[in-house]
């Protein structure tokens, strides 16, 4: 998932980080880190995906691709 995707979705809903983090049950600081590129836990990924309306596995696609590429070159 692209780093600024969550921010764009949140802005499109006219919400701030505090509102989203309260809605999904996490600290605002953790949500901020996710918006800035931290990969969330599966549990949080599922909550965010449900809130925004996309499949939770999108959080892990680029990580998987990078890990697969690293193991191909090893």
PDB file of N, CA and C in Angstrom:
ATOM      1  N   UNK A   1       0.844  -1.172   0.000  1.00  0.00           N
ATOM      2  CA  UNK A   1       0.000   0.000   0.000  1.00  0.00           C
ATOM      3  C   UNK A   1       0.888   1.234   0.000  1.00  0.00           C
ATOM      4  N   UNK A   2       0.545   2.216  -0.798  1.00  0.00           N
ATOM      5  CA  UNK A   2       1.329   3.440  -0.863  1.00  0.00           C
ATOM      6  C   UNK A   2       1.188   4.226   0.431  1.00  0.00           C
ATOM      7  N   UNK A   3       2.265   4.883   0.798  1.00  0.00           N
ATOM      8  CA  UNK A   3       2.313   5.568   2.085  1.00  0.00           C
ATOM      9  C   UNK A   3       1.201   6.612   2.224  1.00  0.00           C
ATOM     10  N   UNK A   4       0.914   7.379   1.203  1.00  0.00           N
ATOM     11  CA  UNK A   4      -0.057   8.467   1.345  1.00  0.00           C
ATOM     12  C   UNK A   4      -1.500   8.041   1.069  1.00  0.00           C
ATOM     13  N   UNK A   5      -1.748   6.786   0.782  1.00  0.00           N
ATOM     14  CA  UNK A   5      -3.103   6.319   0.467  1.00  0.00           C
ATOM     15  C   UNK A   5      -4.070   6.495   1.630  1.00  0.00           C
ATOM     16  N   UNK A   6      -3.667   6.115   2.822  1.00  0.00           N
ATOM     17  CA  UNK A   6      -4.545   6.253   3.985  1.00  0.00           C
ATOM     18  C   UNK A   6      -4.850   7.715   4.269  1.00  0.00           C
ATOM     19  N   UNK A   7      -3.842   8.547   4.147  1.00  0.00           N
ATOM     20  CA  UNK A   7      -4.047   9.977   4.386  1.00  0.00           C
ATOM     21  C   UNK A   7      -5.052  10.552   3.389  1.00  0.00           C
ATOM     22  N   UNK A   8      -4.930  10.172   2.127  1.00  0.00           N
ATOM     23  CA  UNK A   8      -5.877  10.658   1.107  1.00  0.00           C
ATOM     24  C   UNK A   8      -7.290  10.184   1.402  1.00  0.00           C
ATOM     25  N   UNK A   9      -7.443   8.926   1.795  1.00  0.00           N
ATOM     26  CA  UNK A   9      -8.770   8.408   2.123  1.00  0.00           C
ATOM     27  C   UNK A   9      -9.352   9.142   3.334  1.00  0.00           C
ATOM     28  N   UNK A  10      -8.520   9.334   4.338  1.00  0.00           N
ATOM     29  CA  UNK A  10      -8.965  10.023   5.556  1.00  0.00           C
ATOM     30  C   UNK A  10      -9.370  11.456   5.241  1.00  0.00           C
ATOM     31  N   UNK A  11      -8.546  12.143   4.469  1.00  0.00           N
ATOM     32  CA  UNK A  11      -8.853  13.524   4.080  1.00  0.00           C
ATOM     33  C   UNK A  11     -10.149  13.590   3.267  1.00  0.00           C
ATOM     34  N   UNK A  12     -10.344  12.597   2.399  1.00  0.00           N
ATOM     35  CA  UNK A  12     -11.559  12.539   1.599  1.00  0.00           C
ATOM     36  C   UNK A  12     -12.813  12.375   2.439  1.00  0.00           C
ATOM     37  N   UNK A  13     -12.655  11.779   3.600  1.00  0.00           N
ATOM     38  CA  UNK A  13     -13.781  11.596   4.524  1.00  0.00           C
ATOM     39  C   UNK A  13     -13.891  12.762   5.502  1.00  0.00           C
ATOM     40  N   UNK A  14     -12.979  13.736   5.367  1.00  0.00           N
ATOM     41  CA  UNK A  14     -12.946  14.919   6.236  1.00  0.00           C
ATOM     42  C   UNK A  14     -12.794  14.542   7.718  1.00  0.00           C
ATOM     43  N   UNK A  15     -11.883  13.592   7.952  1.00  0.00           N
ATOM     44  CA  UNK A  15     -11.606  13.141   9.308  1.00  0.00           C
ATOM     45  C   UNK A  15     -10.155  13.445   9.662  1.00  0.00           C
ATOM     46  N   UNK A  16      -9.879  13.551  10.956  1.00  0.00           N
ATOM     47  CA  UNK A  16      -8.489  13.682  11.376  1.00  0.00           C
ATOM     48  C   UNK A  16      -8.007  12.349  11.939  1.00  0.00           C
ATOM     49  N   UNK A  17      -6.725  12.270  12.224  1.00  0.00           N
ATOM     50  CA  UNK A  17      -6.145  11.017  12.711  1.00  0.00           C
ATOM     51  C   UNK A  17      -6.770  10.570  14.018  1.00  0.00           C
ATOM     52  N   UNK A  18      -7.074  11.498  14.887  1.00  0.00           N
ATOM     53  CA  UNK A  18      -7.678  11.166  16.177  1.00  0.00           C
ATOM     54  C   UNK A  18      -9.038  10.495  15.987  1.00  0.00           C
ATOM     55  N   UNK A  19      -9.840  11.010  15.076  1.00  0.00           N
ATOM     56  CA  UNK A  19     -11.166  10.447  14.825  1.00  0.00           C
ATOM     57  C   UNK A  19     -11.072   9.019  14.287  1.00  0.00           C
ATOM     58  N   UNK A  20     -10.183   8.802  13.334  1.00  0.00           N
ATOM     59  CA  UNK A  20     -10.030   7.464  12.755  1.00  0.00           C
ATOM     60  C   UNK A  20      -9.491   6.499  13.801  1.00  0.00           C
ATOM     61  N   UNK A  21      -8.478   6.914  14.526  1.00  0.00           N
ATOM     62  CA  UNK A  21      -7.877   6.010  15.518  1.00  0.00           C
ATOM     63  C   UNK A  21      -8.889   5.623  16.593  1.00  0.00           C
ATOM     64  N   UNK A  22      -9.730   6.549  17.025  1.00  0.00           N
ATOM     65  CA  UNK A  22     -10.762   6.219  18.016  1.00  0.00           C
ATOM     66  C   UNK A  22     -11.777   5.254  17.421  1.00  0.00           C
ATOM     67  N   UNK A  23     -12.147   5.473  16.166  1.00  0.00           N
ATOM     68  CA  UNK A  23     -13.140   4.615  15.509  1.00  0.00           C
ATOM     69  C   UNK A  23     -12.675   3.164  15.407  1.00  0.00           C
ATOM     70  N   UNK A  24     -11.378   2.974  15.158  1.00  0.00           N
ATOM     71  CA  UNK A  24     -10.892   1.595  15.009  1.00  0.00           C
ATOM     72  C   UNK A  24     -10.238   1.054  16.277  1.00  0.00           C
ATOM     73  N   UNK A  25     -10.118   1.886  17.310  1.00  0.00           N
ATOM     74  CA  UNK A  25      -9.651   1.404  18.606  1.00  0.00           C
ATOM     75  C   UNK A  25      -8.155   1.302  18.782  1.00  0.00           C
ATOM     76  N   UNK A  26      -7.414   2.257  18.223  1.00  0.00           N
ATOM     77  CA  UNK A  26      -5.960   2.277  18.423  1.00  0.00           C
ATOM     78  C   UNK A  26      -5.533   3.684  18.837  1.00  0.00           C
ATOM     79  N   UNK A  27      -4.298   3.816  19.331  1.00  0.00           N
ATOM     80  CA  UNK A  27      -3.754   5.134  19.679  1.00  0.00           C
ATOM     81  C   UNK A  27      -3.512   5.950  18.418  1.00  0.00           C
ATOM     82  N   UNK A  28      -3.682   7.262  18.542  1.00  0.00           N
ATOM     83  CA  UNK A  28      -3.441   8.144  17.410  1.00  0.00           C
ATOM     84  C   UNK A  28      -1.992   8.052  16.937  1.00  0.00           C
ATOM     85  N   UNK A  29      -1.064   7.902  17.870  1.00  0.00           N
ATOM     86  CA  UNK A  29       0.352   7.825  17.484  1.00  0.00           C
ATOM     87  C   UNK A  29       0.626   6.579  16.630  1.00  0.00           C
ATOM     88  N   UNK A  30      -0.027   5.470  16.969  1.00  0.00           N
ATOM     89  CA  UNK A  30       0.123   4.239  16.170  1.00  0.00           C
ATOM     90  C   UNK A  30      -0.482   4.447  14.780  1.00  0.00           C
ATOM     91  N   UNK A  31      -1.642   5.081  14.724  1.00  0.00           N
ATOM     92  CA  UNK A  31      -2.263   5.347  13.426  1.00  0.00           C
ATOM     93  C   UNK A  31      -1.366   6.249  12.581  1.00  0.00           C
ATOM     94  N   UNK A  32      -0.781   7.265  13.197  1.00  0.00           N
ATOM     95  CA  UNK A  32       0.120   8.162  12.478  1.00  0.00           C
ATOM     96  C   UNK A  32       1.295   7.393  11.870  1.00  0.00           C
ATOM     97  N   UNK A  33       1.846   6.464  12.631  1.00  0.00           N
ATOM     98  CA  UNK A  33       2.960   5.645  12.137  1.00  0.00           C
ATOM     99  C   UNK A  33       2.520   4.787  10.947  1.00  0.00           C
ATOM    100  N   UNK A  34       1.296   4.274  11.003  1.00  0.00           N
ATOM    101  CA  UNK A  34       0.782   3.473   9.884  1.00  0.00           C
ATOM    102  C   UNK A  34       0.633   4.348   8.646  1.00  0.00           C
ATOM    103  N   UNK A  35       0.100   5.554   8.820  1.00  0.00           N
ATOM    104  CA  UNK A  35      -0.020   6.478   7.681  1.00  0.00           C
ATOM    105  C   UNK A  35       1.348   6.797   7.091  1.00  0.00           C
ATOM    106  N   UNK A  36       2.375   6.764   7.913  1.00  0.00           N
ATOM    107  CA  UNK A  36       3.726   7.084   7.457  1.00  0.00           C
ATOM    108  C   UNK A  36       4.528   5.865   7.014  1.00  0.00           C
ATOM    109  N   UNK A  37       3.869   4.715   6.889  1.00  0.00           N
ATOM    110  CA  UNK A  37       4.543   3.570   6.303  1.00  0.00           C
ATOM    111  C   UNK A  37       4.728   2.347   7.177  1.00  0.00           C
ATOM    112  N   UNK A  38       4.425   2.425   8.464  1.00  0.00           N
ATOM    113  CA  UNK A  38       4.543   1.254   9.327  1.00  0.00           C
ATOM    114  C   UNK A  38       3.484   0.226   8.930  1.00  0.00           C
ATOM    115  N   UNK A  39       3.868  -1.026   8.803  1.00  0.00           N
ATOM    116  CA  UNK A  39       2.904  -2.077   8.505  1.00  0.00           C
ATOM    117  C   UNK A  39       2.174  -2.439   9.792  1.00  0.00           C
ATOM    118  N   UNK A  40       0.840  -2.339   9.784  1.00  0.00           N
ATOM    119  CA  UNK A  40       0.081  -2.644  11.005  1.00  0.00           C
ATOM    120  C   UNK A  40       0.002  -4.144  11.255  1.00  0.00           C
ATOM    121  N   UNK A  41      -0.433  -4.497  12.448  1.00  0.00           N
ATOM    122  CA  UNK A  41      -0.721  -5.899  12.734  1.00  0.00           C
ATOM    123  C   UNK A  41      -1.889  -6.329  11.849  1.00  0.00           C
ATOM    124  N   UNK A  42      -2.067  -7.620  11.689  1.00  0.00           N
ATOM    125  CA  UNK A  42      -3.183  -8.126  10.880  1.00  0.00           C
ATOM    126  C   UNK A  42      -4.509  -7.650  11.474  1.00  0.00           C
ATOM    127  N   UNK A  43      -4.615  -7.685  12.784  1.00  0.00           N
ATOM    128  CA  UNK A  43      -5.843  -7.260  13.460  1.00  0.00           C
ATOM    129  C   UNK A  43      -6.185  -5.810  13.120  1.00  0.00           C
ATOM    130  N   UNK A  44      -5.209  -4.933  13.190  1.00  0.00           N
ATOM    131  CA  UNK A  44      -5.430  -3.513  12.893  1.00  0.00           C
ATOM    132  C   UNK A  44      -5.636  -3.319  11.393  1.00  0.00           C
ATOM    133  N   UNK A  45      -4.912  -4.051  10.577  1.00  0.00           N
ATOM    134  CA  UNK A  45      -5.104  -3.963   9.130  1.00  0.00           C
ATOM    135  C   UNK A  45      -6.545  -4.295   8.756  1.00  0.00           C
ATOM    136  N   UNK A  46      -7.097  -5.315   9.392  1.00  0.00           N
ATOM    137  CA  UNK A  46      -8.482  -5.701   9.111  1.00  0.00           C
ATOM    138  C   UNK A  46      -9.458  -4.613   9.545  1.00  0.00           C
ATOM    139  N   UNK A  47      -9.211  -4.001  10.696  1.00  0.00           N
ATOM    140  CA  UNK A  47     -10.089  -2.909  11.154  1.00  0.00           C
ATOM    141  C   UNK A  47     -10.023  -1.708  10.209  1.00  0.00           C
ATOM    142  N   UNK A  48      -8.801  -1.336   9.828  1.00  0.00           N
ATOM    143  CA  UNK A  48      -8.644  -0.200   8.913  1.00  0.00           C
ATOM    144  C   UNK A  48      -9.286  -0.480   7.563  1.00  0.00           C
ATOM    145  N   UNK A  49      -9.082  -1.679   7.055  1.00  0.00           N
ATOM    146  CA  UNK A  49      -9.646  -2.041   5.756  1.00  0.00           C
ATOM    147  C   UNK A  49     -11.172  -2.016   5.797  1.00  0.00           C
ATOM    148  N   UNK A  50     -11.748  -2.498   6.865  1.00  0.00           N
ATOM    149  CA  UNK A  50     -13.201  -2.457   6.996  1.00  0.00           C
ATOM    150  C   UNK A  50     -13.689  -1.010   7.073  1.00  0.00           C
ATOM    151  N   UNK A  51     -12.976  -0.194   7.823  1.00  0.00           N
ATOM    152  CA  UNK A  51     -13.356   1.208   7.979  1.00  0.00           C
ATOM    153  C   UNK A  51     -13.309   1.955   6.642  1.00  0.00           C
ATOM    154  N   UNK A  52     -12.228   1.732   5.873  1.00  0.00           N
ATOM    155  CA  UNK A  52     -12.044   2.451   4.616  1.00  0.00           C
ATOM    156  C   UNK A  52     -12.645   1.737   3.402  1.00  0.00           C
ATOM    157  N   UNK A  53     -12.955   0.459   3.530  1.00  0.00           N
ATOM    158  CA  UNK A  53     -13.594  -0.261   2.441  1.00  0.00           C
ATOM    159  C   UNK A  53     -12.656  -0.853   1.398  1.00  0.00           C
ATOM    160  N   UNK A  54     -11.585  -1.487   1.851  1.00  0.00           N
ATOM    161  CA  UNK A  54     -10.697  -2.209   0.940  1.00  0.00           C
ATOM    162  C   UNK A  54     -10.266  -3.509   1.614  1.00  0.00           C
ATOM    163  N   UNK A  55      -9.581  -4.369   0.885  1.00  0.00           N
ATOM    164  CA  UNK A  55      -9.164  -5.652   1.443  1.00  0.00           C
ATOM    165  C   UNK A  55      -7.905  -5.465   2.294  1.00  0.00           C
ATOM    166  N   UNK A  56      -7.914  -6.048   3.471  1.00  0.00           N
ATOM    167  CA  UNK A  56      -6.822  -5.860   4.429  1.00  0.00           C
ATOM    168  C   UNK A  56      -5.465  -6.329   3.932  1.00  0.00           C
ATOM    169  N   UNK A  57      -5.438  -7.261   3.015  1.00  0.00           N
ATOM    170  CA  UNK A  57      -4.152  -7.795   2.546  1.00  0.00           C
ATOM    171  C   UNK A  57      -3.340  -6.765   1.766  1.00  0.00           C
ATOM    172  N   UNK A  58      -3.955  -5.672   1.350  1.00  0.00           N
ATOM    173  CA  UNK A  58      -3.214  -4.627   0.634  1.00  0.00           C
ATOM    174  C   UNK A  58      -2.069  -4.056   1.472  1.00  0.00           C
ATOM    175  N   UNK A  59      -2.202  -4.110   2.789  1.00  0.00           N
ATOM    176  CA  UNK A  59      -1.126  -3.615   3.655  1.00  0.00           C
ATOM    177  C   UNK A  59       0.136  -4.453   3.521  1.00  0.00           C
ATOM    178  N   UNK A  60      -0.005  -5.694   3.077  1.00  0.00           N
ATOM    179  CA  UNK A  60       1.116  -6.624   3.081  1.00  0.00           C
ATOM    180  C   UNK A  60       1.646  -6.961   1.688  1.00  0.00           C
ATOM    181  N   UNK A  61       1.008  -6.467   0.649  1.00  0.00           N
ATOM    182  CA  UNK A  61       1.417  -6.813  -0.722  1.00  0.00           C
ATOM    183  C   UNK A  61       2.817  -6.329  -1.054  1.00  0.00           C
ATOM    184  N   UNK A  62       3.130  -5.075  -0.806  1.00  0.00           N
ATOM    185  CA  UNK A  62       4.457  -4.577  -1.172  1.00  0.00           C
ATOM    186  C   UNK A  62       5.533  -5.228  -0.314  1.00  0.00           C
ATOM    187  N   UNK A  63       5.241  -5.501   0.949  1.00  0.00           N
ATOM    188  CA  UNK A  63       6.207  -6.175   1.819  1.00  0.00           C
ATOM    189  C   UNK A  63       6.514  -7.569   1.297  1.00  0.00           C
ATOM    190  N   UNK A  64       5.498  -8.279   0.863  1.00  0.00           N
ATOM    191  CA  UNK A  64       5.687  -9.625   0.325  1.00  0.00           C
ATOM    192  C   UNK A  64       6.510  -9.591  -0.947  1.00  0.00           C
ATOM    193  N   UNK A  65       6.241  -8.619  -1.798  1.00  0.00           N
ATOM    194  CA  UNK A  65       6.976  -8.505  -3.052  1.00  0.00           C
ATOM    195  C   UNK A  65       8.449  -8.210  -2.785  1.00  0.00           C
ATOM    196  N   UNK A  66       8.718  -7.339  -1.825  1.00  0.00           N
ATOM    197  CA  UNK A  66      10.098  -7.002  -1.488  1.00  0.00           C
ATOM    198  C   UNK A  66      10.805  -8.222  -0.896  1.00  0.00           C
ATOM    199  N   UNK A  67      10.134  -8.936   0.012  1.00  0.00           N
ATOM    200  CA  UNK A  67      10.736 -10.126   0.625  1.00  0.00           C
ATOM    201  C   UNK A  67      10.995 -11.213  -0.417  1.00  0.00           C
ATOM    202  N   UNK A  68      10.073 -11.398  -1.350  1.00  0.00           N
ATOM    203  CA  UNK A  68      10.258 -12.403  -2.405  1.00  0.00           C
ATOM    204  C   UNK A  68      11.432 -12.021  -3.286  1.00  0.00           C
ATOM    205  N   UNK A  69      11.545 -10.746  -3.597  1.00  0.00           N
ATOM    206  CA  UNK A  69      12.651 -10.275  -4.433  1.00  0.00           C
ATOM    207  C   UNK A  69      13.986 -10.495  -3.727  1.00  0.00           C
ATOM    208  N   UNK A  70      14.031 -10.248  -2.426  1.00  0.00           N
ATOM    209  CA  UNK A  70      15.274 -10.450  -1.670  1.00  0.00           C
ATOM    210  C   UNK A  70      15.672 -11.921  -1.670  1.00  0.00           C
ATOM    211  N   UNK A  71      14.706 -12.820  -1.516  1.00  0.00           N
ATOM    212  CA  UNK A  71      15.054 -14.235  -1.475  1.00  0.00           C
ATOM    213  C   UNK A  71      15.431 -14.765  -2.854  1.00  0.00           C
ATOM    214  N   UNK A  72      14.942 -14.133  -3.915  1.00  0.00           N
ATOM    215  CA  UNK A  72      15.323 -14.533  -5.269  1.00  0.00           C
ATOM    216  C   UNK A  72      16.782 -14.168  -5.566  1.00  0.00           C
ATOM    217  N   UNK A  73      17.255 -13.086  -4.949  1.00  0.00           N
ATOM    218  CA  UNK A  73      18.614 -12.631  -5.218  1.00  0.00           C
ATOM    219  C   UNK A  73      19.622 -13.236  -4.242  1.00  0.00           C
ATOM    220  N   UNK A  74      19.161 -13.919  -3.237  1.00  0.00           N
ATOM    221  CA  UNK A  74      20.069 -14.487  -2.216  1.00  0.00           C
ATOM    222  C   UNK A  74      20.736 -15.744  -2.706  1.00  0.00           C
TER     223      UNK A  74
END
